[in-house]
Amino acid sequence: IGEPLDNYENVIKFLHNVNNENGLNISMRNITLSTCGI
């Protein structure tokens, strides 16, 4: 639910937090962001 790029700052912060090695440590290459075209 929602348009990720319409919530840009929070989404970018989320991406960095889940990628952090002291957090969930999920590779950025394993993350897909879908937008309707903003």
Full PDB file with SEQRES, HELIX, SHEET, SSBOND, CRYST1, ORIGX, SCALE, CONECT and MASTER records, all heavy atoms in Angstrom:
SEQRES   1 A   38  ILE GLY GLU PRO LEU ASP ASN TYR GLU ASN VAL ILE LYS          
SEQRES   2 A   38  PHE LEU HIS ASN VAL ASN ASN GLU ASN GLY LEU ASN ILE          
SEQRES   3 A   38  SER MET ARG ASN ILE THR LEU SER THR CYS GLY ILE              
HELIX    1 AA1 PRO A    4  ASN A    7  5                                   4    
HELIX    2 AA2 TYR A    8  ASN A   19  1                                  12    
HELIX    3 AA3 MET A   28  ASN A   30  5                                   3    
CRYST1    1.000    1.000    1.000  90.00  90.00  90.00 P 1           1          
ORIGX1      1.000000  0.000000  0.000000        0.00000                         
ORIGX2      0.000000  1.000000  0.000000        0.00000                         
ORIGX3      0.000000  0.000000  1.000000        0.00000                         
SCALE1      1.000000  0.000000  0.000000        0.00000                         
SCALE2      0.000000  1.000000  0.000000        0.00000                         
SCALE3      0.000000  0.000000  1.000000        0.00000                         
ATOM      1  N   ILE A   1       0.840  -1.191   0.000  1.00  0.00           N  
ATOM      2  CA  ILE A   1       0.000   0.000   0.000  1.00  0.00           C  
ATOM      3  C   ILE A   1       0.878   1.245   0.000  1.00  0.00           C  
ATOM      4  O   ILE A   1       1.823   1.364   0.775  1.00  0.00           O  
ATOM      5  CB  ILE A   1      -0.927   0.004   1.224  1.00  0.00           C  
ATOM      6  CG1 ILE A   1      -1.924  -1.163   1.133  1.00  0.00           C  
ATOM      7  CG2 ILE A   1      -1.671   1.326   1.340  1.00  0.00           C  
ATOM      8  CD1 ILE A   1      -2.790  -1.314   2.368  1.00  0.00           C  
ATOM      9  N   GLY A   2       0.555   2.201  -0.884  1.00  0.00           N  
ATOM     10  CA  GLY A   2       1.268   3.474  -0.920  1.00  0.00           C  
ATOM     11  C   GLY A   2       2.246   3.596  -2.075  1.00  0.00           C  
ATOM     12  O   GLY A   2       2.596   2.616  -2.730  1.00  0.00           O  
ATOM     13  N   GLU A   3       2.671   4.808  -2.320  1.00  0.00           N  
ATOM     14  CA  GLU A   3       3.673   5.147  -3.343  1.00  0.00           C  
ATOM     15  C   GLU A   3       4.973   5.501  -2.622  1.00  0.00           C  
ATOM     16  O   GLU A   3       5.078   6.546  -1.971  1.00  0.00           O  
ATOM     17  CB  GLU A   3       3.174   6.326  -4.183  1.00  0.00           C  
ATOM     18  CG  GLU A   3       4.236   7.055  -4.987  1.00  0.00           C  
ATOM     19  CD  GLU A   3       5.033   6.163  -5.915  1.00  0.00           C  
ATOM     20  OE1 GLU A   3       4.428   5.474  -6.755  1.00  0.00           O  
ATOM     21  OE2 GLU A   3       6.284   6.166  -5.800  1.00  0.00           O  
ATOM     22  N   PRO A   4       5.988   4.633  -2.704  1.00  0.00           N  
ATOM     23  CA  PRO A   4       7.236   4.858  -1.954  1.00  0.00           C  
ATOM     24  C   PRO A   4       7.896   6.209  -2.193  1.00  0.00           C  
ATOM     25  O   PRO A   4       8.392   6.841  -1.253  1.00  0.00           O  
ATOM     26  CB  PRO A   4       8.140   3.710  -2.420  1.00  0.00           C  
ATOM     27  CG  PRO A   4       7.200   2.645  -2.851  1.00  0.00           C  
ATOM     28  CD  PRO A   4       6.016   3.360  -3.442  1.00  0.00           C  
ATOM     29  N   LEU A   5       7.900   6.681  -3.448  1.00  0.00           N  
ATOM     30  CA  LEU A   5       8.585   7.946  -3.736  1.00  0.00           C  
ATOM     31  C   LEU A   5       7.771   9.161  -3.304  1.00  0.00           C  
ATOM     32  O   LEU A   5       8.281  10.284  -3.319  1.00  0.00           O  
ATOM     33  CB  LEU A   5       8.939   8.035  -5.228  1.00  0.00           C  
ATOM     34  CG  LEU A   5       9.956   7.000  -5.723  1.00  0.00           C  
ATOM     35  CD1 LEU A   5      10.387   7.320  -7.147  1.00  0.00           C  
ATOM     36  CD2 LEU A   5      11.174   6.900  -4.812  1.00  0.00           C  
ATOM     37  N   ASP A   6       6.521   8.942  -2.886  1.00  0.00           N  
ATOM     38  CA  ASP A   6       5.726  10.006  -2.295  1.00  0.00           C  
ATOM     39  C   ASP A   6       6.016  10.130  -0.791  1.00  0.00           C  
ATOM     40  O   ASP A   6       5.553  11.051  -0.136  1.00  0.00           O  
ATOM     41  CB  ASP A   6       4.237   9.727  -2.523  1.00  0.00           C  
ATOM     42  CG  ASP A   6       3.337  10.904  -2.138  1.00  0.00           C  
ATOM     43  OD1 ASP A   6       3.704  12.051  -2.456  1.00  0.00           O  
ATOM     44  OD2 ASP A   6       2.289  10.668  -1.520  1.00  0.00           O  
ATOM     45  N   ASN A   7       6.803   9.196  -0.278  1.00  0.00           N  
ATOM     46  CA  ASN A   7       7.247   9.189   1.121  1.00  0.00           C  
ATOM     47  C   ASN A   7       8.766   9.057   1.127  1.00  0.00           C  
ATOM     48  O   ASN A   7       9.340   8.211   1.816  1.00  0.00           O  
ATOM     49  CB  ASN A   7       6.580   8.026   1.873  1.00  0.00           C  
ATOM     50  CG  ASN A   7       6.864   8.034   3.359  1.00  0.00           C  
ATOM     51  OD1 ASN A   7       7.256   9.047   3.931  1.00  0.00           O  
ATOM     52  ND2 ASN A   7       6.661   6.889   3.999  1.00  0.00           N  
ATOM     53  N   TYR A   8       9.404   9.902   0.333  1.00  0.00           N  
ATOM     54  CA  TYR A   8      10.798   9.705  -0.053  1.00  0.00           C  
ATOM     55  C   TYR A   8      11.761   9.624   1.136  1.00  0.00           C  
ATOM     56  O   TYR A   8      12.535   8.668   1.256  1.00  0.00           O  
ATOM     57  CB  TYR A   8      11.224  10.841  -0.996  1.00  0.00           C  
ATOM     58  CG  TYR A   8      12.591  10.639  -1.598  1.00  0.00           C  
ATOM     59  CD1 TYR A   8      12.759   9.830  -2.718  1.00  0.00           C  
ATOM     60  CD2 TYR A   8      13.712  11.256  -1.058  1.00  0.00           C  
ATOM     61  CE1 TYR A   8      14.012   9.633  -3.286  1.00  0.00           C  
ATOM     62  CE2 TYR A   8      14.973  11.063  -1.612  1.00  0.00           C  
ATOM     63  CZ  TYR A   8      15.115  10.252  -2.729  1.00  0.00           C  
ATOM     64  OH  TYR A   8      16.351  10.052  -3.272  1.00  0.00           O  
ATOM     65  N   GLU A   9      11.750  10.631   2.012  1.00  0.00           N  
ATOM     66  CA  GLU A   9      12.745  10.697   3.081  1.00  0.00           C  
ATOM     67  C   GLU A   9      12.646   9.485   4.001  1.00  0.00           C  
ATOM     68  O   GLU A   9      13.664   8.900   4.389  1.00  0.00           O  
ATOM     69  CB  GLU A   9      12.598  11.989   3.892  1.00  0.00           C  
ATOM     70  CG  GLU A   9      13.052  13.246   3.166  1.00  0.00           C  
ATOM     71  CD  GLU A   9      12.044  13.753   2.144  1.00  0.00           C  
ATOM     72  OE1 GLU A   9      10.886  13.262   2.157  1.00  0.00           O  
ATOM     73  OE2 GLU A   9      12.403  14.640   1.341  1.00  0.00           O  
ATOM     74  N   ASN A  10      11.429   9.107   4.371  1.00  0.00           N  
ATOM     75  CA  ASN A  10      11.267   7.955   5.265  1.00  0.00           C  
ATOM     76  C   ASN A  10      11.683   6.655   4.589  1.00  0.00           C  
ATOM     77  O   ASN A  10      12.266   5.770   5.225  1.00  0.00           O  
ATOM     78  CB  ASN A  10       9.813   7.855   5.737  1.00  0.00           C  
ATOM     79  CG  ASN A  10       9.454   8.941   6.725  1.00  0.00           C  
ATOM     80  OD1 ASN A  10      10.255   9.303   7.592  1.00  0.00           O  
ATOM     81  ND2 ASN A  10       8.247   9.474   6.618  1.00  0.00           N  
ATOM     82  N   VAL A  11      11.392   6.522   3.305  1.00  0.00           N  
ATOM     83  CA  VAL A  11      11.770   5.307   2.574  1.00  0.00           C  
ATOM     84  C   VAL A  11      13.283   5.195   2.455  1.00  0.00           C  
ATOM     85  O   VAL A  11      13.856   4.113   2.658  1.00  0.00           O  
ATOM     86  CB  VAL A  11      11.096   5.276   1.187  1.00  0.00           C  
ATOM     87  CG1 VAL A  11      11.761   4.238   0.275  1.00  0.00           C  
ATOM     88  CG2 VAL A  11       9.608   4.970   1.331  1.00  0.00           C  
ATOM     89  N   ILE A  12      13.961   6.291   2.147  1.00  0.00           N  
ATOM     90  CA  ILE A  12      15.426   6.258   2.042  1.00  0.00           C  
ATOM     91  C   ILE A  12      16.050   5.884   3.383  1.00  0.00           C  
ATOM     92  O   ILE A  12      16.994   5.077   3.453  1.00  0.00           O  
ATOM     93  CB  ILE A  12      15.978   7.616   1.550  1.00  0.00           C  
ATOM     94  CG1 ILE A  12      15.515   7.885   0.114  1.00  0.00           C  
ATOM     95  CG2 ILE A  12      17.496   7.648   1.639  1.00  0.00           C  
ATOM     96  CD1 ILE A  12      15.987   6.871  -0.911  1.00  0.00           C  
ATOM     97  N   LYS A  13      15.529   6.441   4.466  1.00  0.00           N  
ATOM     98  CA  LYS A  13      16.043   6.105   5.797  1.00  0.00           C  
ATOM     99  C   LYS A  13      15.802   4.624   6.102  1.00  0.00           C  
ATOM    100  O   LYS A  13      16.672   3.937   6.651  1.00  0.00           O  
ATOM    101  CB  LYS A  13      15.383   6.988   6.847  1.00  0.00           C  
ATOM    102  CG  LYS A  13      16.088   6.967   8.201  1.00  0.00           C  
ATOM    103  CD  LYS A  13      15.424   7.893   9.187  1.00  0.00           C  
ATOM    104  CE  LYS A  13      15.553   9.361   8.784  1.00  0.00           C  
ATOM    105  NZ  LYS A  13      14.999  10.256   9.820  1.00  0.00           N  
ATOM    106  N   PHE A  14      14.630   4.123   5.726  1.00  0.00           N  
ATOM    107  CA  PHE A  14      14.325   2.702   5.897  1.00  0.00           C  
ATOM    108  C   PHE A  14      15.328   1.830   5.148  1.00  0.00           C  
ATOM    109  O   PHE A  14      15.841   0.836   5.691  1.00  0.00           O  
ATOM    110  CB  PHE A  14      12.907   2.422   5.399  1.00  0.00           C  
ATOM    111  CG  PHE A  14      12.626   0.985   5.056  1.00  0.00           C  
ATOM    112  CD1 PHE A  14      12.424   0.045   6.049  1.00  0.00           C  
ATOM    113  CD2 PHE A  14      12.557   0.579   3.728  1.00  0.00           C  
ATOM    114  CE1 PHE A  14      12.177  -1.285   5.727  1.00  0.00           C  
ATOM    115  CE2 PHE A  14      12.305  -0.740   3.394  1.00  0.00           C  
ATOM    116  CZ  PHE A  14      12.110  -1.676   4.403  1.00  0.00           C  
ATOM    117  N   LEU A  15      15.641   2.197   3.913  1.00  0.00           N  
ATOM    118  CA  LEU A  15      16.579   1.410   3.114  1.00  0.00           C  
ATOM    119  C   LEU A  15      17.947   1.329   3.784  1.00  0.00           C  
ATOM    120  O   LEU A  15      18.562   0.259   3.840  1.00  0.00           O  
ATOM    121  CB  LEU A  15      16.712   2.018   1.715  1.00  0.00           C  
ATOM    122  CG  LEU A  15      15.478   1.959   0.812  1.00  0.00           C  
ATOM    123  CD1 LEU A  15      15.734   2.693  -0.502  1.00  0.00           C  
ATOM    124  CD2 LEU A  15      15.059   0.527   0.544  1.00  0.00           C  
ATOM    125  N   HIS A  16      18.422   2.446   4.297  1.00  0.00           N  
ATOM    126  CA  HIS A  16      19.730   2.448   4.961  1.00  0.00           C  
ATOM    127  C   HIS A  16      19.691   1.643   6.259  1.00  0.00           C  
ATOM    128  O   HIS A  16      20.663   0.942   6.583  1.00  0.00           O  
ATOM    129  CB  HIS A  16      20.183   3.881   5.226  1.00  0.00           C  
ATOM    130  CG  HIS A  16      20.662   4.596   3.996  1.00  0.00           C  
ATOM    131  ND1 HIS A  16      21.812   4.220   3.321  1.00  0.00           N  
ATOM    132  CD2 HIS A  16      20.147   5.651   3.312  1.00  0.00           C  
ATOM    133  CE1 HIS A  16      21.989   5.015   2.281  1.00  0.00           C  
ATOM    134  NE2 HIS A  16      20.998   5.886   2.252  1.00  0.00           N  
ATOM    135  N   ASN A  17      18.590   1.727   6.998  1.00  0.00           N  
ATOM    136  CA  ASN A  17      18.506   0.992   8.261  1.00  0.00           C  
ATOM    137  C   ASN A  17      18.456  -0.518   8.051  1.00  0.00           C  
ATOM    138  O   ASN A  17      19.125  -1.274   8.766  1.00  0.00           O  
ATOM    139  CB  ASN A  17      17.298   1.453   9.078  1.00  0.00           C  
ATOM    140  CG  ASN A  17      17.560   2.747   9.830  1.00  0.00           C  
ATOM    141  OD1 ASN A  17      18.705   3.140  10.054  1.00  0.00           O  
ATOM    142  ND2 ASN A  17      16.491   3.421  10.238  1.00  0.00           N  
ATOM    143  N   VAL A  18      17.682  -1.004   7.074  1.00  0.00           N  
ATOM    144  CA  VAL A  18      17.605  -2.457   6.868  1.00  0.00           C  
ATOM    145  C   VAL A  18      18.879  -2.998   6.236  1.00  0.00           C  
ATOM    146  O   VAL A  18      19.182  -4.188   6.354  1.00  0.00           O  
ATOM    147  CB  VAL A  18      16.382  -2.874   6.013  1.00  0.00           C  
ATOM    148  CG1 VAL A  18      15.089  -2.570   6.738  1.00  0.00           C  
ATOM    149  CG2 VAL A  18      16.411  -2.251   4.630  1.00  0.00           C  
ATOM    150  N   ASN A  19      19.648  -2.112   5.589  1.00  0.00           N  
ATOM    151  CA  ASN A  19      20.913  -2.521   4.982  1.00  0.00           C  
ATOM    152  C   ASN A  19      22.067  -2.519   5.980  1.00  0.00           C  
ATOM    153  O   ASN A  19      23.088  -3.178   5.767  1.00  0.00           O  
ATOM    154  CB  ASN A  19      21.229  -1.595   3.801  1.00  0.00           C  
ATOM    155  CG  ASN A  19      22.569  -1.864   3.150  1.00  0.00           C  
ATOM    156  OD1 ASN A  19      23.471  -1.028   3.165  1.00  0.00           O  
ATOM    157  ND2 ASN A  19      22.728  -3.034   2.562  1.00  0.00           N  
ATOM    158  N   ASN A  20      21.924  -1.809   7.082  1.00  0.00           N  
ATOM    159  CA  ASN A  20      22.999  -1.660   8.060  1.00  0.00           C  
ATOM    160  C   ASN A  20      23.423  -3.022   8.614  1.00  0.00           C  
ATOM    161  O   ASN A  20      22.585  -3.843   8.987  1.00  0.00           O  
ATOM    162  CB  ASN A  20      22.528  -0.748   9.203  1.00  0.00           C  
ATOM    163  CG  ASN A  20      23.665  -0.298  10.091  1.00  0.00           C  
ATOM    164  OD1 ASN A  20      24.316  -1.094  10.764  1.00  0.00           O  
ATOM    165  ND2 ASN A  20      23.899   1.007  10.111  1.00  0.00           N  
ATOM    166  N   GLU A  21      24.732  -3.243   8.682  1.00  0.00           N  
ATOM    167  CA  GLU A  21      25.243  -4.542   9.139  1.00  0.00           C  
ATOM    168  C   GLU A  21      24.910  -4.813  10.601  1.00  0.00           C  
ATOM    169  O   GLU A  21      24.935  -5.964  11.050  1.00  0.00           O  
ATOM    170  CB  GLU A  21      26.754  -4.620   8.927  1.00  0.00           C  
ATOM    171  CG  GLU A  21      27.557  -3.593   9.694  1.00  0.00           C  
ATOM    172  CD  GLU A  21      29.035  -3.678   9.425  1.00  0.00           C  
ATOM    173  OE1 GLU A  21      29.445  -4.487   8.564  1.00  0.00           O  
ATOM    174  OE2 GLU A  21      29.803  -2.941  10.071  1.00  0.00           O  
ATOM    175  N   ASN A  22      24.592  -3.771  11.357  1.00  0.00           N  
ATOM    176  CA  ASN A  22      24.198  -3.951  12.752  1.00  0.00           C  
ATOM    177  C   ASN A  22      22.681  -4.063  12.922  1.00  0.00           C  
ATOM    178  O   ASN A  22      22.178  -4.093  14.044  1.00  0.00           O  
ATOM    179  CB  ASN A  22      24.720  -2.791  13.613  1.00  0.00           C  
ATOM    180  CG  ASN A  22      26.235  -2.768  13.666  1.00  0.00           C  
ATOM    181  OD1 ASN A  22      26.858  -3.798  13.898  1.00  0.00           O  
ATOM    182  ND2 ASN A  22      26.820  -1.616  13.425  1.00  0.00           N  
ATOM    183  N   GLY A  23      21.991  -4.100  11.773  1.00  0.00           N  
ATOM    184  CA  GLY A  23      20.543  -4.277  11.784  1.00  0.00           C  
ATOM    185  C   GLY A  23      20.187  -5.576  11.093  1.00  0.00           C  
ATOM    186  O   GLY A  23      20.791  -6.623  11.335  1.00  0.00           O  
ATOM    187  N   LEU A  24      19.226  -5.532  10.190  1.00  0.00           N  
ATOM    188  CA  LEU A  24      18.809  -6.731   9.470  1.00  0.00           C  
ATOM    189  C   LEU A  24      19.827  -7.160   8.421  1.00  0.00           C  
ATOM    190  O   LEU A  24      19.806  -8.296   7.946  1.00  0.00           O  
ATOM    191  CB  LEU A  24      17.444  -6.500   8.817  1.00  0.00           C  
ATOM    192  CG  LEU A  24      16.265  -6.440   9.797  1.00  0.00           C  
ATOM    193  CD1 LEU A  24      15.001  -5.946   9.102  1.00  0.00           C  
ATOM    194  CD2 LEU A  24      16.011  -7.793  10.434  1.00  0.00           C  
ATOM    195  N   ASN A  25      20.696  -6.218   8.010  1.00  0.00           N  
ATOM    196  CA  ASN A  25      21.802  -6.526   7.098  1.00  0.00           C  
ATOM    197  C   ASN A  25      21.314  -7.153   5.794  1.00  0.00           C  
ATOM    198  O   ASN A  25      21.861  -8.142   5.305  1.00  0.00           O  
ATOM    199  CB  ASN A  25      22.821  -7.451   7.777  1.00  0.00           C  
ATOM    200  CG  ASN A  25      24.146  -7.507   7.039  1.00  0.00           C  
ATOM    201  OD1 ASN A  25      24.509  -6.584   6.321  1.00  0.00           O  
ATOM    202  ND2 ASN A  25      24.868  -8.605   7.202  1.00  0.00           N  
ATOM    203  N   ILE A  26      20.269  -6.573   5.221  1.00  0.00           N  
ATOM    204  CA  ILE A  26      19.733  -7.040   3.943  1.00  0.00           C  
ATOM    205  C   ILE A  26      20.408  -6.274   2.812  1.00  0.00           C  
ATOM    206  O   ILE A  26      20.451  -5.042   2.822  1.00  0.00           O  
ATOM    207  CB  ILE A  26      18.205  -6.860   3.891  1.00  0.00           C  
ATOM    208  CG1 ILE A  26      17.539  -7.760   4.935  1.00  0.00           C  
ATOM    209  CG2 ILE A  26      17.655  -7.148   2.499  1.00  0.00           C  
ATOM    210  CD1 ILE A  26      16.041  -7.595   5.045  1.00  0.00           C  
ATOM    211  N   SER A  27      20.933  -6.993   1.850  1.00  0.00           N  
ATOM    212  CA  SER A  27      21.651  -6.371   0.743  1.00  0.00           C  
ATOM    213  C   SER A  27      20.738  -5.450  -0.055  1.00  0.00           C  
ATOM    214  O   SER A  27      19.586  -5.791  -0.333  1.00  0.00           O  
ATOM    215  CB  SER A  27      22.224  -7.451  -0.176  1.00  0.00           C  
ATOM    216  OG  SER A  27      22.728  -6.879  -1.378  1.00  0.00           O  
ATOM    217  N   MET A  28      21.269  -4.288  -0.432  1.00  0.00           N  
ATOM    218  CA  MET A  28      20.507  -3.374  -1.286  1.00  0.00           C  
ATOM    219  C   MET A  28      20.111  -4.055  -2.598  1.00  0.00           C  
ATOM    220  O   MET A  28      19.072  -3.741  -3.184  1.00  0.00           O  
ATOM    221  CB  MET A  28      21.322  -2.119  -1.587  1.00  0.00           C  
ATOM    222  CG  MET A  28      21.493  -1.169  -0.423  1.00  0.00           C  
ATOM    223  SD  MET A  28      20.039  -0.135  -0.186  1.00  0.00           S  
ATOM    224  CE  MET A  28      20.649   0.992   1.085  1.00  0.00           C  
ATOM    225  N   ARG A  29      20.935  -4.986  -3.057  1.00  0.00           N  
ATOM    226  CA  ARG A  29      20.648  -5.674  -4.314  1.00  0.00           C  
ATOM    227  C   ARG A  29      19.452  -6.620  -4.193  1.00  0.00           C  
ATOM    228  O   ARG A  29      18.945  -7.115  -5.200  1.00  0.00           O  
ATOM    229  CB  ARG A  29      21.891  -6.446  -4.793  1.00  0.00           C  
ATOM    230  CG  ARG A  29      23.050  -5.519  -5.123  1.00  0.00           C  
ATOM    231  CD  ARG A  29      24.263  -6.261  -5.664  1.00  0.00           C  
ATOM    232  NE  ARG A  29      25.364  -5.350  -5.888  1.00  0.00           N  
ATOM    233  CZ  ARG A  29      25.529  -4.596  -6.961  1.00  0.00           C  
ATOM    234  NH1 ARG A  29      24.640  -4.666  -7.939  1.00  0.00           N  
ATOM    235  NH2 ARG A  29      26.566  -3.789  -7.078  1.00  0.00           N  
ATOM    236  N   ASN A  30      19.024  -6.867  -2.957  1.00  0.00           N  
ATOM    237  CA  ASN A  30      17.855  -7.708  -2.719  1.00  0.00           C  
ATOM    238  C   ASN A  30      16.599  -6.880  -2.453  1.00  0.00           C  
ATOM    239  O   ASN A  30      15.598  -7.415  -1.967  1.00  0.00           O  
ATOM    240  CB  ASN A  30      18.105  -8.636  -1.526  1.00  0.00           C  
ATOM    241  CG  ASN A  30      19.143  -9.698  -1.812  1.00  0.00           C  
ATOM    242  OD1 ASN A  30      19.570  -9.873  -2.945  1.00  0.00           O  
ATOM    243  ND2 ASN A  30      19.569 -10.404  -0.778  1.00  0.00           N  
ATOM    244  N   ILE A  31      16.663  -5.591  -2.754  1.00  0.00           N  
ATOM    245  CA  ILE A  31      15.540  -4.694  -2.481  1.00  0.00           C  
ATOM    246  C   ILE A  31      15.023  -4.104  -3.794  1.00  0.00           C  
ATOM    247  O   ILE A  31      15.799  -3.613  -4.614  1.00  0.00           O  
ATOM    248  CB  ILE A  31      15.941  -3.558  -1.526  1.00  0.00           C  
ATOM    249  CG1 ILE A  31      16.432  -4.137  -0.187  1.00  0.00           C  
ATOM    250  CG2 ILE A  31      14.778  -2.597  -1.291  1.00  0.00           C  
ATOM    251  CD1 ILE A  31      16.968  -3.105   0.783  1.00  0.00           C  
ATOM    252  N   THR A  32      13.725  -4.162  -3.987  1.00  0.00           N  
ATOM    253  CA  THR A  32      13.070  -3.594  -5.163  1.00  0.00           C  
ATOM    254  C   THR A  32      12.117  -2.490  -4.725  1.00  0.00           C  
ATOM    255  O   THR A  32      11.330  -2.680  -3.799  1.00  0.00           O  
ATOM    256  CB  THR A  32      12.283  -4.670  -5.928  1.00  0.00           C  
ATOM    257  OG1 THR A  32      13.195  -5.667  -6.411  1.00  0.00           O  
ATOM    258  CG2 THR A  32      11.529  -4.068  -7.107  1.00  0.00           C  
ATOM    259  N   LEU A  33      12.209  -1.340  -5.378  1.00  0.00           N  
ATOM    260  CA  LEU A  33      11.319  -0.215  -5.104  1.00  0.00           C  
ATOM    261  C   LEU A  33      10.464   0.037  -6.335  1.00  0.00           C  
ATOM    262  O   LEU A  33      10.987   0.233  -7.432  1.00  0.00           O  
ATOM    263  CB  LEU A  33      12.123   1.027  -4.735  1.00  0.00           C  
ATOM    264  CG  LEU A  33      11.345   2.271  -4.306  1.00  0.00           C  
ATOM    265  CD1 LEU A  33      12.187   3.126  -3.353  1.00  0.00           C  
ATOM    266  CD2 LEU A  33      10.923   3.130  -5.493  1.00  0.00           C  
ATOM    267  N   SER A  34       9.149   0.050  -6.139  1.00  0.00           N  
ATOM    268  CA  SER A  34       8.224   0.247  -7.251  1.00  0.00           C  
ATOM    269  C   SER A  34       7.564   1.613  -7.151  1.00  0.00           C  
ATOM    270  O   SER A  34       7.065   1.999  -6.093  1.00  0.00           O  
ATOM    271  CB  SER A  34       7.145  -0.842  -7.230  1.00  0.00           C  
ATOM    272  OG  SER A  34       6.186  -0.617  -8.237  1.00  0.00           O  
ATOM    273  N   THR A  35       7.562   2.348  -8.253  1.00  0.00           N  
ATOM    274  CA  THR A  35       6.932   3.669  -8.293  1.00  0.00           C  
ATOM    275  C   THR A  35       6.032   3.792  -9.513  1.00  0.00           C  
ATOM    276  O   THR A  35       6.289   3.180 -10.559  1.00  0.00           O  
ATOM    277  CB  THR A  35       7.985   4.792  -8.326  1.00  0.00           C  
ATOM    278  OG1 THR A  35       7.320   6.064  -8.470  1.00  0.00           O  
ATOM    279  CG2 THR A  35       8.953   4.624  -9.491  1.00  0.00           C  
ATOM    280  N   CYS A  36       4.986   4.607  -9.391  1.00  0.00           N  
ATOM    281  CA  CYS A  36       4.096   4.848 -10.529  1.00  0.00           C  
ATOM    282  C   CYS A  36       4.664   5.917 -11.457  1.00  0.00           C  
ATOM    283  O   CYS A  36       4.088   6.198 -12.503  1.00  0.00           O  
ATOM    284  CB  CYS A  36       2.706   5.237 -10.048  1.00  0.00           C  
ATOM    285  SG  CYS A  36       2.634   6.814  -9.188  1.00  0.00           S  
ATOM    286  N   GLY A  37       5.795   6.525 -11.058  1.00  0.00           N  
ATOM    287  CA  GLY A  37       6.454   7.462 -11.969  1.00  0.00           C  
ATOM    288  C   GLY A  37       6.467   8.902 -11.507  1.00  0.00           C  
ATOM    289  O   GLY A  37       6.092   9.800 -12.267  1.00  0.00           O  
ATOM    290  N   ILE A  38       6.906   9.133 -10.273  1.00  0.00           N  
ATOM    291  CA  ILE A  38       7.093  10.504  -9.789  1.00  0.00           C  
ATOM    292  C   ILE A  38       8.479  10.948 -10.256  1.00  0.00           C  
ATOM    293  O   ILE A  38       9.492  10.681  -9.607  1.00  0.00           O  
ATOM    294  CB  ILE A  38       6.947  10.577  -8.256  1.00  0.00           C  
ATOM    295  CG1 ILE A  38       5.550  10.094  -7.857  1.00  0.00           C  
ATOM    296  CG2 ILE A  38       7.173  12.005  -7.751  1.00  0.00           C  
ATOM    297  CD1 ILE A  38       5.283  10.106  -6.371  1.00  0.00           C  
TER     298      ILE A  38                                                      
MASTER        0    0    0    3    0    0    0    6  297    1    0    3          
END                                                                             
